[in-house]
Amino acid sequence: MLTSSSSSHQTNLFETDLLLQLDPNDPLLKLSTVIPWHHFEEVFAIHYKEAVVLQWKRNPYYQAFCGLKAFQQKLPCHS
């Protein structure tokens, strides 16, 4: 949960826009717009594990769900 999602989406001039490459009707993308990310970040921070971090890196839908605008090939944090 890196950033909170916003209802407005601004494209990135220098990177490929991840949301334009994914299905906007995907349930994860729809759900990402209504989750209170700040609350989850506080409560689940102690549970971040290596497998979760690795799956986040490998799955563009997870990254878009977490609010990223461009696909990241690096790990989001140290597990």
PDB file of N, CA and C in Angstrom:
ATOM      1  N   MET A   1       0.828  -1.120   0.000  1.00  0.00           N
ATOM      2  CA  MET A   1       0.000   0.000   0.000  1.00  0.00           C
ATOM      3  C   MET A   1       0.901   1.218   0.000  1.00  0.00           C
ATOM      4  N   LEU A   2       1.312   1.576  -1.170  1.00  0.00           N
ATOM      5  CA  LEU A   2       2.305   2.621  -1.307  1.00  0.00           C
ATOM      6  C   LEU A   2       1.718   4.010  -1.339  1.00  0.00           C
ATOM      7  N   THR A   3       0.663   4.167  -2.065  1.00  0.00           N
ATOM      8  CA  THR A   3       0.033   5.477  -2.158  1.00  0.00           C
ATOM      9  C   THR A   3      -1.465   5.302  -2.160  1.00  0.00           C
ATOM     10  N   SER A   4      -2.134   6.321  -1.769  1.00  0.00           N
ATOM     11  CA  SER A   4      -3.590   6.236  -1.818  1.00  0.00           C
ATOM     12  C   SER A   4      -4.067   6.507  -3.230  1.00  0.00           C
ATOM     13  N   SER A   5      -5.108   5.844  -3.608  1.00  0.00           N
ATOM     14  CA  SER A   5      -5.679   6.057  -4.930  1.00  0.00           C
ATOM     15  C   SER A   5      -6.501   7.331  -4.923  1.00  0.00           C
ATOM     16  N   SER A   6      -6.581   7.952  -6.051  1.00  0.00           N
ATOM     17  CA  SER A   6      -7.446   9.125  -6.152  1.00  0.00           C
ATOM     18  C   SER A   6      -8.428   8.886  -7.284  1.00  0.00           C
ATOM     19  N   SER A   7      -9.492   9.632  -7.266  1.00  0.00           N
ATOM     20  CA  SER A   7     -10.503   9.427  -8.287  1.00  0.00           C
ATOM     21  C   SER A   7     -10.056   9.989  -9.631  1.00  0.00           C
ATOM     22  N   SER A   8      -9.125  10.941  -9.622  1.00  0.00           N
ATOM     23  CA  SER A   8      -8.628  11.474 -10.886  1.00  0.00           C
ATOM     24  C   SER A   8      -7.295  10.816 -11.203  1.00  0.00           C
ATOM     25  N   HIS A   9      -7.096  10.549 -12.469  1.00  0.00           N
ATOM     26  CA  HIS A   9      -5.876   9.859 -12.884  1.00  0.00           C
ATOM     27  C   HIS A   9      -5.145  10.726 -13.892  1.00  0.00           C
ATOM     28  N   GLN A  10      -3.900  11.065 -13.558  1.00  0.00           N
ATOM     29  CA  GLN A  10      -3.090  11.880 -14.455  1.00  0.00           C
ATOM     30  C   GLN A  10      -2.052  10.983 -15.110  1.00  0.00           C
ATOM     31  N   THR A  11      -1.954  11.031 -16.436  1.00  0.00           N
ATOM     32  CA  THR A  11      -0.991  10.192 -17.139  1.00  0.00           C
ATOM     33  C   THR A  11       0.412  10.725 -16.946  1.00  0.00           C
ATOM     34  N   ASN A  12       1.397   9.830 -17.082  1.00  0.00           N
ATOM     35  CA  ASN A  12       2.799  10.169 -16.925  1.00  0.00           C
ATOM     36  C   ASN A  12       3.421  10.373 -18.293  1.00  0.00           C
ATOM     37  N   LEU A  13       4.065  11.479 -18.490  1.00  0.00           N
ATOM     38  CA  LEU A  13       4.649  11.819 -19.778  1.00  0.00           C
ATOM     39  C   LEU A  13       5.846  10.942 -20.137  1.00  0.00           C
ATOM     40  N   PHE A  14       6.588  10.461 -19.145  1.00  0.00           N
ATOM     41  CA  PHE A  14       7.840   9.777 -19.403  1.00  0.00           C
ATOM     42  C   PHE A  14       7.803   8.258 -19.241  1.00  0.00           C
ATOM     43  N   GLU A  15       6.749   7.717 -18.712  1.00  0.00           N
ATOM     44  CA  GLU A  15       6.642   6.271 -18.506  1.00  0.00           C
ATOM     45  C   GLU A  15       5.346   5.756 -19.113  1.00  0.00           C
ATOM     46  N   THR A  16       5.311   4.464 -19.387  1.00  0.00           N
ATOM     47  CA  THR A  16       4.089   3.844 -19.869  1.00  0.00           C
ATOM     48  C   THR A  16       3.061   3.841 -18.744  1.00  0.00           C
ATOM     49  N   ASP A  17       1.874   4.284 -19.030  1.00  0.00           N
ATOM     50  CA  ASP A  17       0.822   4.369 -18.026  1.00  0.00           C
ATOM     51  C   ASP A  17       0.247   2.985 -17.761  1.00  0.00           C
ATOM     52  N   LEU A  18       0.457   2.479 -16.564  1.00  0.00           N
ATOM     53  CA  LEU A  18       0.034   1.125 -16.195  1.00  0.00           C
ATOM     54  C   LEU A  18      -1.475   0.949 -16.327  1.00  0.00           C
ATOM     55  N   LEU A  19      -2.253   1.905 -15.876  1.00  0.00           N
ATOM     56  CA  LEU A  19      -3.710   1.757 -15.907  1.00  0.00           C
ATOM     57  C   LEU A  19      -4.270   1.686 -17.318  1.00  0.00           C
ATOM     58  N   LEU A  20      -3.574   2.271 -18.277  1.00  0.00           N
ATOM     59  CA  LEU A  20      -4.031   2.192 -19.659  1.00  0.00           C
ATOM     60  C   LEU A  20      -3.772   0.819 -20.271  1.00  0.00           C
ATOM     61  N   GLN A  21      -2.943   0.028 -19.637  1.00  0.00           N
ATOM     62  CA  GLN A  21      -2.608  -1.303 -20.136  1.00  0.00           C
ATOM     63  C   GLN A  21      -3.461  -2.401 -19.507  1.00  0.00           C
ATOM     64  N   LEU A  22      -4.180  -2.073 -18.450  1.00  0.00           N
ATOM     65  CA  LEU A  22      -4.939  -3.074 -17.702  1.00  0.00           C
ATOM     66  C   LEU A  22      -6.435  -2.901 -17.925  1.00  0.00           C
ATOM     67  N   ASP A  23      -7.169  -3.954 -17.624  1.00  0.00           N
ATOM     68  CA  ASP A  23      -8.623  -3.945 -17.763  1.00  0.00           C
ATOM     69  C   ASP A  23      -9.241  -3.101 -16.645  1.00  0.00           C
ATOM     70  N   PRO A  24      -9.870  -1.974 -16.963  1.00  0.00           N
ATOM     71  CA  PRO A  24     -10.431  -1.112 -15.928  1.00  0.00           C
ATOM     72  C   PRO A  24     -11.599  -1.750 -15.172  1.00  0.00           C
ATOM     73  N   ASN A  25     -12.157  -2.821 -15.710  1.00  0.00           N
ATOM     74  CA  ASN A  25     -13.261  -3.508 -15.037  1.00  0.00           C
ATOM     75  C   ASN A  25     -12.795  -4.613 -14.106  1.00  0.00           C
ATOM     76  N   ASP A  26     -11.481  -4.783 -13.976  1.00  0.00           N
ATOM     77  CA  ASP A  26     -10.948  -5.805 -13.076  1.00  0.00           C
ATOM     78  C   ASP A  26     -11.378  -5.474 -11.643  1.00  0.00           C
ATOM     79  N   PRO A  27     -11.856  -6.474 -10.903  1.00  0.00           N
ATOM     80  CA  PRO A  27     -12.341  -6.228  -9.534  1.00  0.00           C
ATOM     81  C   PRO A  27     -11.293  -5.599  -8.615  1.00  0.00           C
ATOM     82  N   LEU A  28     -10.023  -5.969  -8.768  1.00  0.00           N
ATOM     83  CA  LEU A  28      -8.989  -5.374  -7.918  1.00  0.00           C
ATOM     84  C   LEU A  28      -8.855  -3.879  -8.171  1.00  0.00           C
ATOM     85  N   LEU A  29      -8.927  -3.480  -9.430  1.00  0.00           N
ATOM     86  CA  LEU A  29      -8.795  -2.057  -9.736  1.00  0.00           C
ATOM     87  C   LEU A  29      -9.983  -1.263  -9.221  1.00  0.00           C
ATOM     88  N   LYS A  30     -11.171  -1.833  -9.311  1.00  0.00           N
ATOM     89  CA  LYS A  30     -12.358  -1.156  -8.778  1.00  0.00           C
ATOM     90  C   LYS A  30     -12.279  -1.048  -7.253  1.00  0.00           C
ATOM     91  N   LEU A  31     -11.855  -2.124  -6.613  1.00  0.00           N
ATOM     92  CA  LEU A  31     -11.752  -2.136  -5.155  1.00  0.00           C
ATOM     93  C   LEU A  31     -10.713  -1.144  -4.657  1.00  0.00           C
ATOM     94  N   SER A  32      -9.652  -0.959  -5.417  1.00  0.00           N
ATOM     95  CA  SER A  32      -8.566  -0.074  -4.976  1.00  0.00           C
ATOM     96  C   SER A  32      -9.014   1.371  -4.778  1.00  0.00           C
ATOM     97  N   THR A  33     -10.093   1.752  -5.405  1.00  0.00           N
ATOM     98  CA  THR A  33     -10.549   3.145  -5.288  1.00  0.00           C
ATOM     99  C   THR A  33     -11.367   3.411  -4.030  1.00  0.00           C
ATOM    100  N   VAL A  34     -11.762   2.367  -3.305  1.00  0.00           N
ATOM    101  CA  VAL A  34     -12.607   2.580  -2.122  1.00  0.00           C
ATOM    102  C   VAL A  34     -11.964   2.125  -0.813  1.00  0.00           C
ATOM    103  N   ILE A  35     -10.751   1.634  -0.860  1.00  0.00           N
ATOM    104  CA  ILE A  35     -10.077   1.138   0.345  1.00  0.00           C
ATOM    105  C   ILE A  35      -9.414   2.295   1.099  1.00  0.00           C
ATOM    106  N   PRO A  36      -9.559   2.331   2.433  1.00  0.00           N
ATOM    107  CA  PRO A  36      -8.869   3.351   3.238  1.00  0.00           C
ATOM    108  C   PRO A  36      -7.403   2.928   3.454  1.00  0.00           C
ATOM    109  N   TRP A  37      -6.547   3.241   2.494  1.00  0.00           N
ATOM    110  CA  TRP A  37      -5.167   2.736   2.489  1.00  0.00           C
ATOM    111  C   TRP A  37      -4.380   3.110   3.742  1.00  0.00           C
ATOM    112  N   HIS A  38      -4.563   4.302   4.272  1.00  0.00           N
ATOM    113  CA  HIS A  38      -3.795   4.719   5.450  1.00  0.00           C
ATOM    114  C   HIS A  38      -4.056   3.794   6.636  1.00  0.00           C
ATOM    115  N   HIS A  39      -5.277   3.332   6.782  1.00  0.00           N
ATOM    116  CA  HIS A  39      -5.619   2.412   7.873  1.00  0.00           C
ATOM    117  C   HIS A  39      -4.927   1.058   7.683  1.00  0.00           C
ATOM    118  N   PHE A  40      -4.987   0.523   6.477  1.00  0.00           N
ATOM    119  CA  PHE A  40      -4.344  -0.766   6.199  1.00  0.00           C
ATOM    120  C   PHE A  40      -2.838  -0.692   6.410  1.00  0.00           C
ATOM    121  N   GLU A  41      -2.233   0.417   6.018  1.00  0.00           N
ATOM    122  CA  GLU A  41      -0.799   0.580   6.171  1.00  0.00           C
ATOM    123  C   GLU A  41      -0.395   0.485   7.638  1.00  0.00           C
ATOM    124  N   GLU A  42      -1.141   1.129   8.483  1.00  0.00           N
ATOM    125  CA  GLU A  42      -0.847   1.113   9.917  1.00  0.00           C
ATOM    126  C   GLU A  42      -1.033  -0.280  10.519  1.00  0.00           C
ATOM    127  N   VAL A  43      -2.131  -0.933  10.195  1.00  0.00           N
ATOM    128  CA  VAL A  43      -2.480  -2.204  10.817  1.00  0.00           C
ATOM    129  C   VAL A  43      -1.644  -3.376  10.297  1.00  0.00           C
ATOM    130  N   PHE A  44      -1.362  -3.401   8.996  1.00  0.00           N
ATOM    131  CA  PHE A  44      -0.709  -4.556   8.401  1.00  0.00           C
ATOM    132  C   PHE A  44       0.804  -4.414   8.230  1.00  0.00           C
ATOM    133  N   ALA A  45       1.381  -3.312   8.631  1.00  0.00           N
ATOM    134  CA  ALA A  45       2.814  -3.088   8.427  1.00  0.00           C
ATOM    135  C   ALA A  45       3.660  -4.204   9.032  1.00  0.00           C
ATOM    136  N   ILE A  46       3.248  -4.754  10.140  1.00  0.00           N
ATOM    137  CA  ILE A  46       4.031  -5.813  10.789  1.00  0.00           C
ATOM    138  C   ILE A  46       3.953  -7.148  10.042  1.00  0.00           C
ATOM    139  N   HIS A  47       3.035  -7.270   9.098  1.00  0.00           N
ATOM    140  CA  HIS A  47       2.834  -8.534   8.393  1.00  0.00           C
ATOM    141  C   HIS A  47       3.483  -8.600   7.017  1.00  0.00           C
ATOM    142  N   TYR A  48       4.156  -7.530   6.584  1.00  0.00           N
ATOM    143  CA  TYR A  48       4.790  -7.554   5.264  1.00  0.00           C
ATOM    144  C   TYR A  48       5.887  -8.617   5.267  1.00  0.00           C
ATOM    145  N   LYS A  49       5.791  -9.552   4.369  1.00  0.00           N
ATOM    146  CA  LYS A  49       6.750 -10.663   4.283  1.00  0.00           C
ATOM    147  C   LYS A  49       7.341 -10.725   2.893  1.00  0.00           C
ATOM    148  N   GLU A  50       8.412 -11.478   2.764  1.00  0.00           N
ATOM    149  CA  GLU A  50       9.134 -11.580   1.502  1.00  0.00           C
ATOM    150  C   GLU A  50       8.243 -12.049   0.351  1.00  0.00           C
ATOM    151  N   ALA A  51       7.410 -13.053   0.573  1.00  0.00           N
ATOM    152  CA  ALA A  51       6.553 -13.585  -0.492  1.00  0.00           C
ATOM    153  C   ALA A  51       5.550 -12.536  -0.971  1.00  0.00           C
ATOM    154  N   VAL A  52       5.015 -11.748  -0.072  1.00  0.00           N
ATOM    155  CA  VAL A  52       4.053 -10.715  -0.443  1.00  0.00           C
ATOM    156  C   VAL A  52       4.738  -9.640  -1.280  1.00  0.00           C
ATOM    157  N   VAL A  53       5.921  -9.241  -0.853  1.00  0.00           N
ATOM    158  CA  VAL A  53       6.666  -8.210  -1.575  1.00  0.00           C
ATOM    159  C   VAL A  53       7.038  -8.699  -2.971  1.00  0.00           C
ATOM    160  N   LEU A  54       7.452  -9.939  -3.088  1.00  0.00           N
ATOM    161  CA  LEU A  54       7.830 -10.503  -4.377  1.00  0.00           C
ATOM    162  C   LEU A  54       6.628 -10.600  -5.316  1.00  0.00           C
ATOM    163  N   GLN A  55       5.479 -11.014  -4.807  1.00  0.00           N
ATOM    164  CA  GLN A  55       4.279 -11.090  -5.633  1.00  0.00           C
ATOM    165  C   GLN A  55       3.865  -9.708  -6.118  1.00  0.00           C
ATOM    166  N   TRP A  56       4.025  -8.718  -5.271  1.00  0.00           N
ATOM    167  CA  TRP A  56       3.700  -7.354  -5.674  1.00  0.00           C
ATOM    168  C   TRP A  56       4.574  -6.931  -6.860  1.00  0.00           C
ATOM    169  N   LYS A  57       5.847  -7.284  -6.810  1.00  0.00           N
ATOM    170  CA  LYS A  57       6.771  -6.927  -7.893  1.00  0.00           C
ATOM    171  C   LYS A  57       6.383  -7.610  -9.205  1.00  0.00           C
ATOM    172  N   ARG A  58       5.873  -8.816  -9.147  1.00  0.00           N
ATOM    173  CA  ARG A  58       5.596  -9.613 -10.338  1.00  0.00           C
ATOM    174  C   ARG A  58       4.223  -9.362 -10.959  1.00  0.00           C
ATOM    175  N   ASN A  59       3.323  -8.699 -10.277  1.00  0.00           N
ATOM    176  CA  ASN A  59       1.950  -8.592 -10.750  1.00  0.00           C
ATOM    177  C   ASN A  59       1.536  -7.131 -10.968  1.00  0.00           C
ATOM    178  N   PRO A  60       1.355  -6.723 -12.233  1.00  0.00           N
ATOM    179  CA  PRO A  60       0.966  -5.334 -12.487  1.00  0.00           C
ATOM    180  C   PRO A  60      -0.407  -4.979 -11.908  1.00  0.00           C
ATOM    181  N   TYR A  61      -1.295  -5.941 -11.789  1.00  0.00           N
ATOM    182  CA  TYR A  61      -2.601  -5.648 -11.196  1.00  0.00           C
ATOM    183  C   TYR A  61      -2.453  -5.306  -9.711  1.00  0.00           C
ATOM    184  N   TYR A  62      -1.553  -5.996  -9.002  1.00  0.00           N
ATOM    185  CA  TYR A  62      -1.315  -5.655  -7.605  1.00  0.00           C
ATOM    186  C   TYR A  62      -0.760  -4.240  -7.493  1.00  0.00           C
ATOM    187  N   GLN A  63       0.146  -3.889  -8.412  1.00  0.00           N
ATOM    188  CA  GLN A  63       0.746  -2.558  -8.367  1.00  0.00           C
ATOM    189  C   GLN A  63      -0.287  -1.475  -8.647  1.00  0.00           C
ATOM    190  N   ALA A  64      -1.122  -1.701  -9.633  1.00  0.00           N
ATOM    191  CA  ALA A  64      -2.179  -0.732  -9.928  1.00  0.00           C
ATOM    192  C   ALA A  64      -3.170  -0.651  -8.769  1.00  0.00           C
ATOM    193  N   PHE A  65      -3.467  -1.784  -8.165  1.00  0.00           N
ATOM    194  CA  PHE A  65      -4.364  -1.845  -7.007  1.00  0.00           C
ATOM    195  C   PHE A  65      -3.814  -0.983  -5.865  1.00  0.00           C
ATOM    196  N   CYS A  66      -2.503  -0.947  -5.732  1.00  0.00           N
ATOM    197  CA  CYS A  66      -1.865  -0.172  -4.669  1.00  0.00           C
ATOM    198  C   CYS A  66      -1.661   1.292  -5.032  1.00  0.00           C
ATOM    199  N   GLY A  67      -2.091   1.672  -6.222  1.00  0.00           N
ATOM    200  CA  GLY A  67      -2.066   3.073  -6.575  1.00  0.00           C
ATOM    201  C   GLY A  67      -0.930   3.530  -7.469  1.00  0.00           C
ATOM    202  N   LEU A  68      -0.091   2.624  -7.929  1.00  0.00           N
ATOM    203  CA  LEU A  68       0.997   3.038  -8.809  1.00  0.00           C
ATOM    204  C   LEU A  68       0.470   3.382 -10.192  1.00  0.00           C
ATOM    205  N   LYS A  69       1.100   4.340 -10.822  1.00  0.00           N
ATOM    206  CA  LYS A  69       0.697   4.778 -12.155  1.00  0.00           C
ATOM    207  C   LYS A  69       1.567   4.157 -13.244  1.00  0.00           C
ATOM    208  N   ALA A  70       2.738   3.613 -12.879  1.00  0.00           N
ATOM    209  CA  ALA A  70       3.644   2.967 -13.838  1.00  0.00           C
ATOM    210  C   ALA A  70       4.165   1.676 -13.212  1.00  0.00           C
ATOM    211  N   PHE A  71       4.374   0.648 -14.038  1.00  0.00           N
ATOM    212  CA  PHE A  71       4.850  -0.641 -13.554  1.00  0.00           C
ATOM    213  C   PHE A  71       6.255  -0.506 -12.986  1.00  0.00           C
ATOM    214  N   GLN A  72       6.490  -1.059 -11.805  1.00  0.00           N
ATOM    215  CA  GLN A  72       7.787  -1.019 -11.132  1.00  0.00           C
ATOM    216  C   GLN A  72       8.424  -2.403 -11.181  1.00  0.00           C
ATOM    217  N   GLN A  73       9.682  -2.473 -11.597  1.00  0.00           N
ATOM    218  CA  GLN A  73      10.381  -3.750 -11.635  1.00  0.00           C
ATOM    219  C   GLN A  73      11.238  -3.975 -10.400  1.00  0.00           C
ATOM    220  N   LYS A  74      11.283  -3.026  -9.525  1.00  0.00           N
ATOM    221  CA  LYS A  74      12.059  -3.200  -8.298  1.00  0.00           C
ATOM    222  C   LYS A  74      11.117  -3.487  -7.134  1.00  0.00           C
ATOM    223  N   LEU A  75      11.665  -4.032  -6.079  1.00  0.00           N
ATOM    224  CA  LEU A  75      10.853  -4.316  -4.890  1.00  0.00           C
ATOM    225  C   LEU A  75      10.408  -2.998  -4.250  1.00  0.00           C
ATOM    226  N   PRO A  76       9.187  -2.957  -3.729  1.00  0.00           N
ATOM    227  CA  PRO A  76       8.662  -1.714  -3.162  1.00  0.00           C
ATOM    228  C   PRO A  76       9.248  -1.368  -1.802  1.00  0.00           C
ATOM    229  N   CYS A  77       9.757  -2.383  -1.108  1.00  0.00           N
ATOM    230  CA  CYS A  77      10.321  -2.180   0.218  1.00  0.00           C
ATOM    231  C   CYS A  77      11.136  -3.406   0.594  1.00  0.00           C
ATOM    232  N   HIS A  78      11.838  -3.300   1.678  1.00  0.00           N
ATOM    233  CA  HIS A  78      12.584  -4.456   2.181  1.00  0.00           C
ATOM    234  C   HIS A  78      11.632  -5.307   3.006  1.00  0.00           C
ATOM    235  N   SER A  79      11.510  -6.575   2.653  1.00  0.00           N
ATOM    236  CA  SER A  79      10.566  -7.444   3.354  1.00  0.00           C
ATOM    237  C   SER A  79      11.091  -7.832   4.724  1.00  0.00           C
TER     238      SER A  79
END
